[in-house]
Amino acid sequence: MTSPHITSVYGSAETEYTIKKSRFLIHLREVTCEEEASAFIEARRKEFWDARHNCYAYQIGPDGAIQKSSDDGEPSGTAGRPMLEVLKKNSITNTVVVVTRYFGGIKLGASGLIRAYSHCVTLGLEAAEIADYLPYQVVNVSFPYSFVSVIERLVPSYAVRIADRSFASDVTFTLEIPEEQAGPAIQAITNATNGNAICKTEKTKVIPIVRT
Protein backbone atom coordinates (compact mmCIF):
# COMPACT_ATOMS: atom_id res chain seq x y z
CA MET A 1 0.00 0.00 0.00
CA THR A 2 1.28 3.45 -0.88
CA SER A 3 1.88 5.63 2.18
CA PRO A 4 0.19 9.04 2.42
CA HIS A 5 2.08 11.83 0.67
CA ILE A 6 2.93 14.85 2.79
CA THR A 7 4.32 18.13 1.49
CA SER A 8 5.51 20.60 4.10
CA VAL A 9 7.90 23.39 4.89
CA TYR A 10 11.30 21.83 5.53
CA GLY A 11 12.64 23.05 8.86
CA SER A 12 11.72 26.71 9.30
CA ALA A 13 11.74 30.01 7.45
CA GLU A 14 11.07 33.67 8.04
CA THR A 15 10.62 36.82 6.01
CA GLU A 16 8.71 40.10 6.25
CA TYR A 17 6.40 42.38 4.31
CA THR A 18 5.50 46.05 4.67
CA ILE A 19 2.43 47.77 3.23
CA LYS A 20 1.05 51.20 4.14
CA LYS A 21 3.44 51.39 7.10
CA SER A 22 2.13 48.14 8.61
CA ARG A 23 4.99 45.70 9.12
CA PHE A 24 4.26 41.98 8.88
CA LEU A 25 6.77 39.46 10.27
CA ILE A 26 6.27 35.98 8.82
CA HIS A 27 7.48 32.81 10.54
CA LEU A 28 6.87 29.24 9.36
CA ARG A 29 7.88 25.90 10.83
CA GLU A 30 7.47 22.25 10.06
CA VAL A 31 5.44 20.44 12.75
CA THR A 32 4.04 16.96 13.24
CA CYS A 33 1.38 17.56 15.91
CA GLU A 34 -0.78 20.28 17.45
CA GLU A 35 1.45 20.47 20.52
CA GLU A 36 4.42 21.49 18.37
CA ALA A 37 2.29 24.03 16.50
CA SER A 38 0.96 25.53 19.74
CA ALA A 39 4.46 25.78 21.21
CA PHE A 40 5.71 27.61 18.11
CA ILE A 41 2.76 30.02 18.20
CA GLU A 42 3.28 30.75 21.90
CA ALA A 43 6.99 31.34 21.36
CA ARG A 44 6.25 33.93 18.66
CA ARG A 45 3.70 35.62 20.94
CA LYS A 46 6.30 35.92 23.69
CA GLU A 47 8.96 37.13 21.28
CA PHE A 48 6.70 39.77 19.75
CA TRP A 49 4.66 40.58 22.83
CA ASP A 50 4.46 44.25 21.86
CA ALA A 51 2.82 43.60 18.49
CA ARG A 52 -0.88 44.30 18.02
CA HIS A 53 -1.59 40.96 16.32
CA ASN A 54 0.03 37.51 16.12
CA CYS A 55 -2.24 35.69 13.69
CA TYR A 56 -1.67 32.06 12.79
CA ALA A 57 -2.78 29.09 10.76
CA TYR A 58 -1.76 25.46 10.54
CA GLN A 59 -2.82 22.16 9.11
CA ILE A 60 -1.48 18.77 10.07
CA GLY A 61 -1.78 15.27 8.65
CA PRO A 62 -1.59 13.81 5.14
CA ASP A 63 -5.07 15.05 4.32
CA GLY A 64 -4.90 18.21 6.43
CA ALA A 65 -7.36 16.66 8.88
CA ILE A 66 -6.23 18.97 11.69
CA GLN A 67 -6.71 22.64 10.86
CA LYS A 68 -6.77 25.74 12.99
CA SER A 69 -6.45 29.48 12.46
CA SER A 70 -6.77 32.69 14.45
CA ASP A 71 -7.35 36.34 13.56
CA ASP A 72 -5.94 37.39 16.96
CA GLY A 73 -7.94 40.60 17.15
CA GLU A 74 -8.11 41.41 13.46
CA PRO A 75 -11.66 41.66 12.02
CA SER A 76 -13.21 38.20 11.78
CA GLY A 77 -12.17 36.27 8.70
CA THR A 78 -9.48 38.71 7.55
CA ALA A 79 -6.31 36.96 8.75
CA GLY A 80 -6.29 33.37 10.01
CA ARG A 81 -8.69 31.90 7.47
CA PRO A 82 -7.03 33.54 4.43
CA MET A 83 -3.67 32.30 5.73
CA LEU A 84 -5.01 28.77 6.06
CA GLU A 85 -6.46 28.92 2.55
CA VAL A 86 -3.00 29.62 1.10
CA LEU A 87 -1.63 26.52 2.85
CA LYS A 88 -4.53 24.47 1.51
CA LYS A 89 -4.23 25.88 -2.02
CA ASN A 90 -0.56 24.88 -2.10
CA SER A 91 -1.25 21.46 -0.51
CA ILE A 92 1.10 22.31 2.36
CA THR A 93 0.49 20.37 5.56
CA ASN A 94 2.44 19.65 8.76
CA THR A 95 3.20 23.36 8.75
CA VAL A 96 2.38 26.28 11.05
CA VAL A 97 2.67 29.92 10.03
CA VAL A 98 2.52 32.93 12.34
CA VAL A 99 2.17 36.44 10.93
CA THR A 100 2.94 39.24 13.38
CA ARG A 101 1.60 42.68 12.52
CA TYR A 102 2.92 45.98 13.77
CA PHE A 103 0.25 48.53 12.89
CA GLY A 104 1.56 51.55 11.01
CA GLY A 105 -1.35 53.90 11.61
CA ILE A 106 -3.08 53.42 8.25
CA LYS A 107 -6.08 51.08 8.16
CA LEU A 108 -6.04 48.50 5.38
CA GLY A 109 -9.73 47.65 5.41
CA ALA A 110 -11.15 44.12 5.40
CA SER A 111 -10.26 43.33 1.79
CA GLY A 112 -6.80 44.86 2.24
CA LEU A 113 -6.17 42.72 5.31
CA ILE A 114 -7.24 39.56 3.50
CA ARG A 115 -4.87 40.34 0.64
CA ALA A 116 -2.03 41.25 3.00
CA TYR A 117 -2.25 38.15 5.19
CA SER A 118 -2.66 35.88 2.17
CA HIS A 119 0.35 37.47 0.53
CA CYS A 120 2.39 37.03 3.70
CA VAL A 121 1.92 33.25 3.61
CA THR A 122 2.76 33.17 -0.09
CA LEU A 123 5.97 35.09 0.63
CA GLY A 124 6.75 32.73 3.50
CA LEU A 125 6.39 29.67 1.29
CA GLU A 126 8.61 31.28 -1.33
CA ALA A 127 11.27 31.90 1.32
CA ALA A 128 11.05 28.37 2.72
CA GLU A 129 12.44 25.08 1.49
CA ILE A 130 9.60 22.74 0.58
CA ALA A 131 9.92 18.98 1.02
CA ASP A 132 7.85 16.08 -0.26
CA TYR A 133 7.83 13.25 2.26
CA LEU A 134 7.77 10.11 0.16
CA PRO A 135 7.70 6.40 1.06
CA TYR A 136 10.87 4.47 0.23
CA GLN A 137 11.34 0.70 0.42
CA VAL A 138 14.57 -0.36 2.13
CA VAL A 139 16.17 -3.33 0.37
CA ASN A 140 19.43 -5.10 1.24
CA VAL A 141 21.08 -6.46 -1.90
CA SER A 142 23.97 -8.94 -1.66
CA PHE A 143 25.97 -9.85 -4.77
CA PRO A 144 29.47 -10.89 -5.97
CA TYR A 145 32.14 -8.22 -6.34
CA SER A 146 32.04 -8.54 -10.12
CA PHE A 147 28.62 -6.85 -10.18
CA VAL A 148 29.48 -3.69 -8.22
CA SER A 149 29.76 -1.46 -11.28
CA VAL A 150 26.66 -3.07 -12.80
CA ILE A 151 24.56 -2.19 -9.76
CA GLU A 152 26.01 1.31 -9.44
CA ARG A 153 25.17 2.07 -13.08
CA LEU A 154 21.69 0.58 -12.84
CA VAL A 155 20.17 2.08 -9.70
CA PRO A 156 20.05 5.76 -10.77
CA SER A 157 17.50 4.78 -13.43
CA TYR A 158 15.04 4.01 -10.62
CA ALA A 159 15.87 7.03 -8.40
CA VAL A 160 17.46 4.61 -5.92
CA ARG A 161 19.56 5.93 -3.03
CA ILE A 162 22.50 3.79 -1.88
CA ALA A 163 22.30 4.30 1.88
CA ASP A 164 25.12 1.95 2.87
CA ARG A 165 27.81 -0.30 1.39
CA SER A 166 29.30 -3.35 3.10
CA PHE A 167 32.21 -5.36 1.71
CA ALA A 168 32.81 -8.89 3.04
CA SER A 169 32.81 -12.22 1.20
CA ASP A 170 30.11 -10.60 -0.95
CA VAL A 171 29.08 -6.99 -1.38
CA THR A 172 25.90 -5.75 0.33
CA PHE A 173 24.24 -2.50 -0.63
CA THR A 174 21.42 -1.06 1.46
CA LEU A 175 19.14 0.59 -1.07
CA GLU A 176 16.31 3.05 -0.52
CA ILE A 177 13.92 2.71 -3.44
CA PRO A 178 10.83 4.86 -4.14
CA GLU A 179 7.95 2.61 -3.12
CA GLU A 180 6.32 2.57 -6.55
CA GLN A 181 9.67 1.65 -8.15
CA ALA A 182 10.62 -1.13 -5.74
CA GLY A 183 9.23 -4.03 -7.78
CA PRO A 184 10.71 -2.94 -11.14
CA ALA A 185 14.06 -2.02 -9.54
CA ILE A 186 14.43 -5.38 -7.80
CA GLN A 187 13.55 -7.18 -11.01
CA ALA A 188 16.08 -5.11 -12.96
CA ILE A 189 18.80 -5.92 -10.40
CA THR A 190 17.98 -9.62 -10.62
CA ASN A 191 18.14 -9.54 -14.41
CA ALA A 192 21.33 -7.46 -14.57
CA THR A 193 23.16 -9.86 -12.24
CA ASN A 194 21.82 -13.00 -13.92
CA GLY A 195 20.11 -13.95 -10.67
CA ASN A 196 23.31 -13.64 -8.62
CA ALA A 197 21.92 -10.83 -6.43
CA ILE A 198 19.94 -11.68 -3.31
CA CYS A 199 17.39 -8.96 -2.51
CA LYS A 200 15.96 -8.84 0.99
CA THR A 201 13.11 -6.39 1.52
CA GLU A 202 13.21 -4.59 4.86
CA LYS A 203 11.03 -1.79 6.26
CA THR A 204 9.41 1.11 4.46
CA LYS A 205 10.60 4.55 5.55
CA VAL A 206 9.46 8.07 4.75
CA ILE A 207 12.20 10.33 3.40
CA PRO A 208 12.02 14.11 2.86
CA ILE A 209 12.92 15.10 -0.68
CA VAL A 210 13.62 18.83 -0.75
CA ARG A 211 12.45 20.55 -3.91
CA THR A 212 15.08 22.36 -5.94
C-alpha atoms as a PDB file:
ATOM      1  CA  MET A   1       0.000   0.000   0.000  1.00  0.00           C
ATOM      2  CA  THR A   2       1.283   3.454  -0.885  1.00  0.00           C
ATOM      3  CA  SER A   3       1.883   5.633   2.178  1.00  0.00           C
ATOM      4  CA  PRO A   4       0.189   9.041   2.420  1.00  0.00           C
ATOM      5  CA  HIS A   5       2.082  11.826   0.672  1.00  0.00           C
ATOM      6  CA  ILE A   6       2.930  14.851   2.787  1.00  0.00           C
ATOM      7  CA  THR A   7       4.318  18.131   1.490  1.00  0.00           C
ATOM      8  CA  SER A   8       5.514  20.600   4.099  1.00  0.00           C
ATOM      9  CA  VAL A   9       7.901  23.394   4.888  1.00  0.00           C
ATOM     10  CA  TYR A  10      11.302  21.827   5.526  1.00  0.00           C
ATOM     11  CA  GLY A  11      12.641  23.052   8.856  1.00  0.00           C
ATOM     12  CA  SER A  12      11.721  26.708   9.301  1.00  0.00           C
ATOM     13  CA  ALA A  13      11.740  30.009   7.454  1.00  0.00           C
ATOM     14  CA  GLU A  14      11.073  33.673   8.038  1.00  0.00           C
ATOM     15  CA  THR A  15      10.619  36.825   6.009  1.00  0.00           C
ATOM     16  CA  GLU A  16       8.712  40.099   6.250  1.00  0.00           C
ATOM     17  CA  TYR A  17       6.399  42.375   4.309  1.00  0.00           C
ATOM     18  CA  THR A  18       5.496  46.047   4.672  1.00  0.00           C
ATOM     19  CA  ILE A  19       2.434  47.768   3.234  1.00  0.00           C
ATOM     20  CA  LYS A  20       1.054  51.203   4.145  1.00  0.00           C
ATOM     21  CA  LYS A  21       3.442  51.394   7.100  1.00  0.00           C
ATOM     22  CA  SER A  22       2.132  48.144   8.611  1.00  0.00           C
ATOM     23  CA  ARG A  23       4.995  45.703   9.118  1.00  0.00           C
ATOM     24  CA  PHE A  24       4.261  41.985   8.881  1.00  0.00           C
ATOM     25  CA  LEU A  25       6.765  39.457  10.269  1.00  0.00           C
ATOM     26  CA  ILE A  26       6.267  35.982   8.820  1.00  0.00           C
ATOM     27  CA  HIS A  27       7.477  32.812  10.542  1.00  0.00           C
ATOM     28  CA  LEU A  28       6.872  29.242   9.365  1.00  0.00           C
ATOM     29  CA  ARG A  29       7.884  25.900  10.826  1.00  0.00           C
ATOM     30  CA  GLU A  30       7.466  22.249  10.056  1.00  0.00           C
ATOM     31  CA  VAL A  31       5.435  20.441  12.754  1.00  0.00           C
ATOM     32  CA  THR A  32       4.038  16.959  13.244  1.00  0.00           C
ATOM     33  CA  CYS A  33       1.383  17.563  15.907  1.00  0.00           C
ATOM     34  CA  GLU A  34      -0.782  20.279  17.451  1.00  0.00           C
ATOM     35  CA  GLU A  35       1.453  20.472  20.522  1.00  0.00           C
ATOM     36  CA  GLU A  36       4.417  21.491  18.366  1.00  0.00           C
ATOM     37  CA  ALA A  37       2.290  24.030  16.502  1.00  0.00           C
ATOM     38  CA  SER A  38       0.960  25.527  19.740  1.00  0.00           C
ATOM     39  CA  ALA A  39       4.459  25.779  21.213  1.00  0.00           C
ATOM     40  CA  PHE A  40       5.707  27.613  18.113  1.00  0.00           C
ATOM     41  CA  ILE A  41       2.764  30.023  18.200  1.00  0.00           C
ATOM     42  CA  GLU A  42       3.277  30.747  21.896  1.00  0.00           C
ATOM     43  CA  ALA A  43       6.993  31.341  21.356  1.00  0.00           C
ATOM     44  CA  ARG A  44       6.247  33.930  18.664  1.00  0.00           C
ATOM     45  CA  ARG A  45       3.699  35.623  20.944  1.00  0.00           C
ATOM     46  CA  LYS A  46       6.298  35.918  23.688  1.00  0.00           C
ATOM     47  CA  GLU A  47       8.964  37.126  21.277  1.00  0.00           C
ATOM     48  CA  PHE A  48       6.697  39.769  19.747  1.00  0.00           C
ATOM     49  CA  TRP A  49       4.655  40.582  22.833  1.00  0.00           C
ATOM     50  CA  ASP A  50       4.456  44.250  21.863  1.00  0.00           C
ATOM     51  CA  ALA A  51       2.817  43.599  18.495  1.00  0.00           C
ATOM     52  CA  ARG A  52      -0.876  44.302  18.021  1.00  0.00           C
ATOM     53  CA  HIS A  53      -1.586  40.963  16.316  1.00  0.00           C
ATOM     54  CA  ASN A  54       0.028  37.513  16.123  1.00  0.00           C
ATOM     55  CA  CYS A  55      -2.240  35.691  13.693  1.00  0.00           C
ATOM     56  CA  TYR A  56      -1.670  32.065  12.788  1.00  0.00           C
ATOM     57  CA  ALA A  57      -2.784  29.086  10.758  1.00  0.00           C
ATOM     58  CA  TYR A  58      -1.764  25.465  10.541  1.00  0.00           C
ATOM     59  CA  GLN A  59      -2.823  22.163   9.106  1.00  0.00           C
ATOM     60  CA  ILE A  60      -1.479  18.773  10.072  1.00  0.00           C
ATOM     61  CA  GLY A  61      -1.782  15.274   8.647  1.00  0.00           C
ATOM     62  CA  PRO A  62      -1.585  13.812   5.138  1.00  0.00           C
ATOM     63  CA  ASP A  63      -5.075  15.052   4.316  1.00  0.00           C
ATOM     64  CA  GLY A  64      -4.899  18.208   6.435  1.00  0.00           C
ATOM     65  CA  ALA A  65      -7.358  16.655   8.876  1.00  0.00           C
ATOM     66  CA  ILE A  66      -6.228  18.966  11.688  1.00  0.00           C
ATOM     67  CA  GLN A  67      -6.708  22.643  10.856  1.00  0.00           C
ATOM     68  CA  LYS A  68      -6.774  25.742  12.994  1.00  0.00           C
ATOM     69  CA  SER A  69      -6.455  29.477  12.461  1.00  0.00           C
ATOM     70  CA  SER A  70      -6.770  32.691  14.452  1.00  0.00           C
ATOM     71  CA  ASP A  71      -7.354  36.341  13.561  1.00  0.00           C
ATOM     72  CA  ASP A  72      -5.935  37.386  16.961  1.00  0.00           C
ATOM     73  CA  GLY A  73      -7.939  40.596  17.154  1.00  0.00           C
ATOM     74  CA  GLU A  74      -8.113  41.412  13.457  1.00  0.00           C
ATOM     75  CA  PRO A  75     -11.661  41.660  12.016  1.00  0.00           C
ATOM     76  CA  SER A  76     -13.205  38.204  11.783  1.00  0.00           C
ATOM     77  CA  GLY A  77     -12.172  36.272   8.696  1.00  0.00           C
ATOM     78  CA  THR A  78      -9.480  38.711   7.547  1.00  0.00           C
ATOM     79  CA  ALA A  79      -6.311  36.957   8.750  1.00  0.00           C
ATOM     80  CA  GLY A  80      -6.288  33.366  10.007  1.00  0.00           C
ATOM     81  CA  ARG A  81      -8.692  31.904   7.474  1.00  0.00           C
ATOM     82  CA  PRO A  82      -7.026  33.536   4.433  1.00  0.00           C
ATOM     83  CA  MET A  83      -3.667  32.302   5.733  1.00  0.00           C
ATOM     84  CA  LEU A  84      -5.006  28.771   6.059  1.00  0.00           C
ATOM     85  CA  GLU A  85      -6.458  28.919   2.552  1.00  0.00           C
ATOM     86  CA  VAL A  86      -3.005  29.617   1.099  1.00  0.00           C
ATOM     87  CA  LEU A  87      -1.626  26.520   2.847  1.00  0.00           C
ATOM     88  CA  LYS A  88      -4.529  24.470   1.508  1.00  0.00           C
ATOM     89  CA  LYS A  89      -4.231  25.877  -2.016  1.00  0.00           C
ATOM     90  CA  ASN A  90      -0.565  24.876  -2.098  1.00  0.00           C
ATOM     91  CA  SER A  91      -1.251  21.457  -0.508  1.00  0.00           C
ATOM     92  CA  ILE A  92       1.102  22.311   2.364  1.00  0.00           C
ATOM     93  CA  THR A  93       0.493  20.370   5.560  1.00  0.00           C
ATOM     94  CA  ASN A  94       2.441  19.650   8.760  1.00  0.00           C
ATOM     95  CA  THR A  95       3.195  23.361   8.749  1.00  0.00           C
ATOM     96  CA  VAL A  96       2.375  26.282  11.048  1.00  0.00           C
ATOM     97  CA  VAL A  97       2.667  29.920  10.028  1.00  0.00           C
ATOM     98  CA  VAL A  98       2.516  32.931  12.341  1.00  0.00           C
ATOM     99  CA  VAL A  99       2.170  36.437  10.934  1.00  0.00           C
ATOM    100  CA  THR A 100       2.938  39.236  13.382  1.00  0.00           C
ATOM    101  CA  ARG A 101       1.597  42.685  12.516  1.00  0.00           C
ATOM    102  CA  TYR A 102       2.925  45.982  13.772  1.00  0.00           C
ATOM    103  CA  PHE A 103       0.247  48.532  12.887  1.00  0.00           C
ATOM    104  CA  GLY A 104       1.559  51.555  11.014  1.00  0.00           C
ATOM    105  CA  GLY A 105      -1.352  53.905  11.605  1.00  0.00           C
ATOM    106  CA  ILE A 106      -3.084  53.417   8.249  1.00  0.00           C
ATOM    107  CA  LYS A 107      -6.079  51.079   8.164  1.00  0.00           C
ATOM    108  CA  LEU A 108      -6.039  48.502   5.383  1.00  0.00           C
ATOM    109  CA  GLY A 109      -9.734  47.645   5.413  1.00  0.00           C
ATOM    110  CA  ALA A 110     -11.149  44.123   5.402  1.00  0.00           C
ATOM    111  CA  SER A 111     -10.256  43.334   1.791  1.00  0.00           C
ATOM    112  CA  GLY A 112      -6.801  44.855   2.243  1.00  0.00           C
ATOM    113  CA  LEU A 113      -6.166  42.721   5.311  1.00  0.00           C
ATOM    114  CA  ILE A 114      -7.240  39.564   3.501  1.00  0.00           C
ATOM    115  CA  ARG A 115      -4.868  40.341   0.640  1.00  0.00           C
ATOM    116  CA  ALA A 116      -2.031  41.249   3.002  1.00  0.00           C
ATOM    117  CA  TYR A 117      -2.249  38.150   5.193  1.00  0.00           C
ATOM    118  CA  SER A 118      -2.664  35.877   2.172  1.00  0.00           C
ATOM    119  CA  HIS A 119       0.354  37.472   0.525  1.00  0.00           C
ATOM    120  CA  CYS A 120       2.385  37.027   3.704  1.00  0.00           C
ATOM    121  CA  VAL A 121       1.923  33.254   3.611  1.00  0.00           C
ATOM    122  CA  THR A 122       2.758  33.172  -0.095  1.00  0.00           C
ATOM    123  CA  LEU A 123       5.968  35.093   0.629  1.00  0.00           C
ATOM    124  CA  GLY A 124       6.752  32.733   3.497  1.00  0.00           C
ATOM    125  CA  LEU A 125       6.385  29.669   1.290  1.00  0.00           C
ATOM    126  CA  GLU A 126       8.606  31.280  -1.331  1.00  0.00           C
ATOM    127  CA  ALA A 127      11.267  31.900   1.320  1.00  0.00           C
ATOM    128  CA  ALA A 128      11.051  28.371   2.717  1.00  0.00           C
ATOM    129  CA  GLU A 129      12.444  25.085   1.494  1.00  0.00           C
ATOM    130  CA  ILE A 130       9.597  22.739   0.584  1.00  0.00           C
ATOM    131  CA  ALA A 131       9.915  18.982   1.016  1.00  0.00           C
ATOM    132  CA  ASP A 132       7.848  16.083  -0.259  1.00  0.00           C
ATOM    133  CA  TYR A 133       7.825  13.253   2.264  1.00  0.00           C
ATOM    134  CA  LEU A 134       7.773  10.106   0.158  1.00  0.00           C
ATOM    135  CA  PRO A 135       7.702   6.399   1.060  1.00  0.00           C
ATOM    136  CA  TYR A 136      10.874   4.466   0.231  1.00  0.00           C
ATOM    137  CA  GLN A 137      11.340   0.705   0.421  1.00  0.00           C
ATOM    138  CA  VAL A 138      14.567  -0.363   2.133  1.00  0.00           C
ATOM    139  CA  VAL A 139      16.170  -3.330   0.367  1.00  0.00           C
ATOM    140  CA  ASN A 140      19.431  -5.098   1.239  1.00  0.00           C
ATOM    141  CA  VAL A 141      21.081  -6.462  -1.902  1.00  0.00           C
ATOM    142  CA  SER A 142      23.972  -8.944  -1.663  1.00  0.00           C
ATOM    143  CA  PHE A 143      25.974  -9.854  -4.770  1.00  0.00           C
ATOM    144  CA  PRO A 144      29.467 -10.889  -5.968  1.00  0.00           C
ATOM    145  CA  TYR A 145      32.144  -8.215  -6.341  1.00  0.00           C
ATOM    146  CA  SER A 146      32.044  -8.540 -10.120  1.00  0.00           C
ATOM    147  CA  PHE A 147      28.623  -6.851 -10.183  1.00  0.00           C
ATOM    148  CA  VAL A 148      29.480  -3.692  -8.218  1.00  0.00           C
ATOM    149  CA  SER A 149      29.759  -1.459 -11.275  1.00  0.00           C
ATOM    150  CA  VAL A 150      26.665  -3.067 -12.799  1.00  0.00           C
ATOM    151  CA  ILE A 151      24.558  -2.193  -9.758  1.00  0.00           C
ATOM    152  CA  GLU A 152      26.008   1.307  -9.444  1.00  0.00           C
ATOM    153  CA  ARG A 153      25.174   2.070 -13.083  1.00  0.00           C
ATOM    154  CA  LEU A 154      21.690   0.582 -12.838  1.00  0.00           C
ATOM    155  CA  VAL A 155      20.174   2.081  -9.702  1.00  0.00           C
ATOM    156  CA  PRO A 156      20.047   5.763 -10.770  1.00  0.00           C
ATOM    157  CA  SER A 157      17.498   4.783 -13.432  1.00  0.00           C
ATOM    158  CA  TYR A 158      15.037   4.015 -10.623  1.00  0.00           C
ATOM    159  CA  ALA A 159      15.874   7.027  -8.396  1.00  0.00           C
ATOM    160  CA  VAL A 160      17.457   4.610  -5.915  1.00  0.00           C
ATOM    161  CA  ARG A 161      19.561   5.932  -3.031  1.00  0.00           C
ATOM    162  CA  ILE A 162      22.499   3.792  -1.883  1.00  0.00           C
ATOM    163  CA  ALA A 163      22.296   4.300   1.878  1.00  0.00           C
ATOM    164  CA  ASP A 164      25.117   1.955   2.873  1.00  0.00           C
ATOM    165  CA  ARG A 165      27.811  -0.298   1.393  1.00  0.00           C
ATOM    166  CA  SER A 166      29.302  -3.346   3.101  1.00  0.00           C
ATOM    167  CA  PHE A 167      32.209  -5.365   1.714  1.00  0.00           C
ATOM    168  CA  ALA A 168      32.807  -8.889   3.042  1.00  0.00           C
ATOM    169  CA  SER A 169      32.807 -12.219   1.197  1.00  0.00           C
ATOM    170  CA  ASP A 170      30.113 -10.597  -0.946  1.00  0.00           C
ATOM    171  CA  VAL A 171      29.079  -6.985  -1.375  1.00  0.00           C
ATOM    172  CA  THR A 172      25.904  -5.753   0.331  1.00  0.00           C
ATOM    173  CA  PHE A 173      24.237  -2.502  -0.630  1.00  0.00           C
ATOM    174  CA  THR A 174      21.423  -1.060   1.459  1.00  0.00           C
ATOM    175  CA  LEU A 175      19.140   0.586  -1.066  1.00  0.00           C
ATOM    176  CA  GLU A 176      16.310   3.051  -0.518  1.00  0.00           C
ATOM    177  CA  ILE A 177      13.917   2.713  -3.440  1.00  0.00           C
ATOM    178  CA  PRO A 178      10.831   4.856  -4.145  1.00  0.00           C
ATOM    179  CA  GLU A 179       7.951   2.614  -3.124  1.00  0.00           C
ATOM    180  CA  GLU A 180       6.320   2.574  -6.550  1.00  0.00           C
ATOM    181  CA  GLN A 181       9.671   1.653  -8.153  1.00  0.00           C
ATOM    182  CA  ALA A 182      10.622  -1.126  -5.739  1.00  0.00           C
ATOM    183  CA  GLY A 183       9.235  -4.028  -7.779  1.00  0.00           C
ATOM    184  CA  PRO A 184      10.709  -2.943 -11.136  1.00  0.00           C
ATOM    185  CA  ALA A 185      14.060  -2.019  -9.536  1.00  0.00           C
ATOM    186  CA  ILE A 186      14.430  -5.383  -7.795  1.00  0.00           C
ATOM    187  CA  GLN A 187      13.547  -7.184 -11.015  1.00  0.00           C
ATOM    188  CA  ALA A 188      16.079  -5.111 -12.955  1.00  0.00           C
ATOM    189  CA  ILE A 189      18.796  -5.919 -10.399  1.00  0.00           C
ATOM    190  CA  THR A 190      17.977  -9.622 -10.618  1.00  0.00           C
ATOM    191  CA  ASN A 191      18.139  -9.538 -14.415  1.00  0.00           C
ATOM    192  CA  ALA A 192      21.330  -7.460 -14.567  1.00  0.00           C
ATOM    193  CA  THR A 193      23.164  -9.862 -12.242  1.00  0.00           C
ATOM    194  CA  ASN A 194      21.817 -13.003 -13.918  1.00  0.00           C
ATOM    195  CA  GLY A 195      20.115 -13.953 -10.671  1.00  0.00           C
ATOM    196  CA  ASN A 196      23.307 -13.635  -8.617  1.00  0.00           C
ATOM    197  CA  ALA A 197      21.917 -10.833  -6.430  1.00  0.00           C
ATOM    198  CA  ILE A 198      19.942 -11.682  -3.310  1.00  0.00           C
ATOM    199  CA  CYS A 199      17.394  -8.961  -2.513  1.00  0.00           C
ATOM    200  CA  LYS A 200      15.955  -8.839   0.991  1.00  0.00           C
ATOM    201  CA  THR A 201      13.112  -6.389   1.524  1.00  0.00           C
ATOM    202  CA  GLU A 202      13.209  -4.588   4.860  1.00  0.00           C
ATOM    203  CA  LYS A 203      11.030  -1.790   6.260  1.00  0.00           C
ATOM    204  CA  THR A 204       9.412   1.115   4.457  1.00  0.00           C
ATOM    205  CA  LYS A 205      10.600   4.554   5.554  1.00  0.00           C
ATOM    206  CA  VAL A 206       9.458   8.069   4.748  1.00  0.00           C
ATOM    207  CA  ILE A 207      12.196  10.333   3.396  1.00  0.00           C
ATOM    208  CA  PRO A 208      12.019  14.106   2.859  1.00  0.00           C
ATOM    209  CA  ILE A 209      12.924  15.098  -0.683  1.00  0.00           C
ATOM    210  CA  VAL A 210      13.621  18.827  -0.750  1.00  0.00           C
ATOM    211  CA  ARG A 211      12.449  20.549  -3.906  1.00  0.00           C
ATOM    212  CA  THR A 212      15.076  22.364  -5.935  1.00  0.00           C
END
